[in-house]
C-alpha cells in the first residue's frame, strides 16, 4: 500500500502593534488579476465601439431607403426630384432617373431600381 502524506503550509499571521494581520496576495497575483481585468474591459470596449458603428451604418442605410422610396413616390406623382436632403445633420445627395433612384450618404450609396408592371 502506498501512502502519501501532505503537509499543509500555514502562513503565520503578522502581528503589528498588537493587531493580527493575515498575509495578503502576492504582487504577481495582483498584477495578473489587473492584467486579466483590463483585457476584459478593453475587449468589451472594442465590442461596444463596433456595435455602435454598425448601428450608425444601419440607421443611415434605413434613412437612405426611406428617402429613395419617397423620391420614387414623388416621381409617380409628377413632382421634381430633390437633389439634396439634410436629415439629422447628414446630407443625402439624390439623383433620379425614370426607373432608378440613387441616394449617396456619408456611409455609402444606395440604388433603388423600380420595375412597374
Protein backbone atom coordinates (compact mmCIF):
# COMPACT_ATOMS: atom_id res chain seq x y z
CA UNK A 1 0.00 0.00 0.00
CA UNK A 2 1.23 3.42 -0.92
CA UNK A 3 0.55 6.26 1.41
CA UNK A 4 1.06 9.85 0.53
CA UNK A 5 1.31 12.46 3.17
CA UNK A 6 0.62 16.08 2.54
CA UNK A 7 1.88 18.79 4.70
CA UNK A 8 -0.18 21.95 4.63
CA UNK A 9 1.84 25.07 4.87
CA UNK A 10 0.14 27.56 7.06
CA UNK A 11 1.20 31.13 6.91
CA UNK A 12 1.81 32.68 10.23
CA UNK A 13 -0.24 35.80 10.82
CA UNK A 14 1.64 39.05 11.06
CA UNK A 15 1.41 40.97 14.29
CA UNK A 16 1.92 44.69 14.35
CA UNK A 17 1.26 46.78 17.45
CA UNK A 18 -0.93 44.10 18.93
CA UNK A 19 -3.15 43.73 15.84
CA UNK A 20 -3.07 40.44 13.98
CA UNK A 21 -2.97 40.68 10.16
CA UNK A 22 -3.16 37.92 7.59
CA UNK A 23 -0.77 37.91 4.68
CA UNK A 24 -2.20 39.43 1.52
CA UNK A 25 -1.90 38.47 -2.12
CA UNK A 26 1.46 38.46 -3.78
CA UNK A 27 2.49 41.19 -6.18
CA UNK A 28 2.39 38.73 -9.09
CA UNK A 29 -1.18 37.72 -8.24
CA UNK A 30 -2.31 41.33 -8.07
CA UNK A 31 -0.63 42.20 -11.39
CA UNK A 32 -2.09 39.11 -13.07
CA UNK A 33 -5.57 40.00 -11.82
CA UNK A 34 -5.21 43.57 -13.06
CA UNK A 35 -3.99 42.36 -16.48
CA UNK A 36 -6.93 39.96 -16.85
CA UNK A 37 -9.44 42.59 -15.75
CA UNK A 38 -8.03 45.24 -18.10
CA UNK A 39 -8.04 42.83 -21.06
CA UNK A 40 -11.71 42.01 -20.39
CA UNK A 41 -12.57 45.72 -20.15
CA UNK A 42 -10.67 46.50 -23.38
CA UNK A 43 -12.43 43.65 -25.17
CA UNK A 44 -15.85 44.86 -24.06
CA UNK A 45 -14.95 48.43 -25.05
CA UNK A 46 -13.87 47.36 -28.55
CA UNK A 47 -17.04 45.29 -28.98
CA UNK A 48 -19.20 48.22 -27.88
CA UNK A 49 -17.49 50.58 -30.35
CA UNK A 50 -18.03 48.08 -33.18
CA UNK A 51 -21.70 47.69 -32.28
CA UNK A 52 -22.16 51.46 -32.22
CA UNK A 53 -20.52 51.87 -35.66
CA UNK A 54 -22.72 49.12 -37.11
CA UNK A 55 -25.81 50.73 -35.59
CA UNK A 56 -24.99 54.10 -37.16
CA UNK A 57 -24.42 52.46 -40.56
CA UNK A 58 -27.72 50.54 -40.37
CA UNK A 59 -29.61 53.69 -39.39
CA UNK A 60 -28.08 55.70 -42.26
CA UNK A 61 -28.99 52.92 -44.72
CA UNK A 62 -32.54 52.90 -43.37
CA UNK A 63 -32.80 56.68 -43.85
CA UNK A 64 -31.46 56.32 -47.41
CA UNK A 65 -34.07 53.64 -48.22
CA UNK A 66 -36.87 55.85 -46.91
CA UNK A 67 -35.61 58.82 -48.93
CA UNK A 68 -35.31 56.73 -52.10
CA UNK A 69 -38.87 55.45 -51.67
CA UNK A 70 -40.07 58.99 -51.05
CA UNK A 71 -38.35 60.27 -54.21
CA UNK A 72 -39.86 57.46 -56.26
CA UNK A 73 -43.31 58.36 -54.91
CA UNK A 74 -42.65 62.00 -55.87
CA UNK A 75 -41.75 60.86 -59.41
CA UNK A 76 -45.01 58.91 -59.69
CA UNK A 77 -46.93 62.00 -58.59
CA UNK A 78 -45.18 64.11 -61.23
CA UNK A 79 -43.14 66.19 -58.76
CA UNK A 80 -39.48 67.11 -59.20
CA UNK A 81 -36.70 65.10 -57.59
CA UNK A 82 -34.99 66.75 -54.62
CA UNK A 83 -31.24 66.84 -55.26
CA UNK A 84 -30.04 67.16 -51.67
CA UNK A 85 -31.81 66.45 -48.42
CA UNK A 86 -30.49 67.11 -44.93
CA UNK A 87 -31.72 64.93 -42.07
CA UNK A 88 -30.19 64.57 -38.61
CA UNK A 89 -27.21 66.75 -39.59
CA UNK A 90 -26.45 64.37 -42.51
CA UNK A 91 -26.50 65.40 -46.15
CA UNK A 92 -28.08 62.95 -48.59
CA UNK A 93 -27.46 63.51 -52.33
CA UNK A 94 -30.24 62.19 -54.56
CA UNK A 95 -30.19 61.57 -58.31
CA UNK A 96 -33.30 60.35 -60.11
CA UNK A 97 -33.73 58.53 -63.42
CA UNK A 98 -37.09 57.26 -64.73
CA UNK A 99 -36.80 53.79 -63.10
CA UNK A 100 -33.93 54.34 -60.68
CA UNK A 101 -33.28 56.49 -57.63
CA UNK A 102 -29.72 56.77 -56.29
CA UNK A 103 -29.03 58.15 -52.80
CA UNK A 104 -25.50 58.97 -51.64
CA UNK A 105 -24.91 59.37 -47.93
CA UNK A 106 -21.79 59.66 -45.71
CA UNK A 107 -21.52 55.90 -45.10
CA UNK A 108 -22.19 54.72 -48.65
CA UNK A 109 -24.56 54.71 -51.58
CA UNK A 110 -27.95 53.10 -52.21
CA UNK A 111 -29.63 52.46 -55.57
CA UNK A 112 -33.33 51.67 -55.77
CA UNK A 113 -34.43 50.14 -59.08
CA UNK A 114 -38.17 50.19 -59.75
CA UNK A 115 -39.89 47.79 -62.10
CA UNK A 116 -43.50 48.64 -62.86
CA UNK A 117 -45.94 46.26 -64.42
